[in-house]
Protein backbone atom coordinates (compact mmCIF):
# COMPACT_ATOMS: atom_id res chain seq x y z
CA MET A 1 103.17 103.20 75.92
CA PRO A 2 99.13 104.29 76.42
CA ALA A 3 99.06 102.02 79.56
CA LEU A 4 102.18 103.86 81.15
CA ALA A 5 100.21 107.39 80.26
CA LEU A 6 97.15 106.12 81.60
CA LEU A 7 98.79 105.02 84.72
CA SER A 8 100.67 108.37 85.33
CA ALA A 9 97.48 110.18 85.04
CA VAL A 10 95.38 108.14 87.61
CA PHE A 11 98.30 108.63 90.03
CA VAL A 12 98.67 112.38 89.28
CA PHE A 13 94.74 112.53 89.78
CA GLY A 14 94.68 110.59 92.78
CA PHE A 15 97.58 112.64 94.35
CA GLU A 16 95.67 115.65 93.55
CA GLN A 17 92.55 114.74 94.96
CA ILE A 18 94.35 113.55 98.46
CA VAL A 19 96.03 117.29 98.65
CA SER A 20 92.78 118.64 97.97
CA TRP A 21 90.87 116.63 100.48
CA LYS A 22 93.63 117.34 103.10
CA TYR A 23 94.80 120.97 102.50
CA GLY A 24 91.83 122.35 100.82
CA THR A 25 92.25 125.04 98.03
CA THR A 26 95.62 126.34 99.29
CA GLY A 27 96.97 123.05 98.87
CA ILE A 28 95.95 122.85 95.37
CA ILE A 29 97.29 126.18 94.36
CA GLY A 30 100.61 125.32 95.89
CA LEU A 31 100.84 122.18 93.93
CA LEU A 32 99.70 124.05 90.65
CA LEU A 33 102.51 126.69 91.43
CA LEU A 34 104.85 123.89 91.85
CA ALA A 35 103.91 121.73 89.22
CA VAL A 36 103.94 124.91 86.70
CA GLY A 37 107.19 126.20 87.89
CA ILE A 38 108.99 122.86 87.09
CA LYS A 39 107.37 122.56 83.50
CA ALA A 40 108.26 126.38 82.72
CA LYS A 41 111.73 125.85 84.37
CA ASN A 42 110.88 128.93 86.54
CA PRO A 43 112.55 128.57 89.90
CA ALA A 44 110.76 131.57 91.53
CA VAL A 45 107.20 129.96 90.84
CA SER A 46 108.34 126.47 91.94
CA SER A 47 109.77 127.91 95.07
CA MET A 48 106.63 130.00 95.70
CA GLY A 49 104.73 126.53 95.43
CA ALA A 50 106.99 124.61 97.51
CA VAL A 51 107.00 127.47 100.15
CA VAL A 52 103.07 127.13 100.26
CA LEU A 53 102.82 123.32 100.69
CA ALA A 54 105.60 123.47 103.23
CA LEU A 55 103.54 126.14 105.40
CA LEU A 56 100.51 124.02 104.89
CA VAL A 57 102.42 120.64 106.29
CA ALA A 58 104.21 122.56 109.02
CA GLY A 59 101.31 124.78 109.92
CA PRO A 60 100.02 122.95 112.82
CA ALA A 61 103.48 122.51 114.30
CA LEU A 62 104.17 126.23 114.06
């Protein structure tokens, strides 16, 4: 079981670093809002995080 937790932590840390590298601070804030909203089961906060990430990804196309 500890190996699974370690692997999960490494994956989450790596994903967070990729988002930070590609989208900067705004990407981290969007990812944080999404994660907090999902953990707290708060659809408003998770929706805000999803919208921030969607705007970052679709920004160049707009």
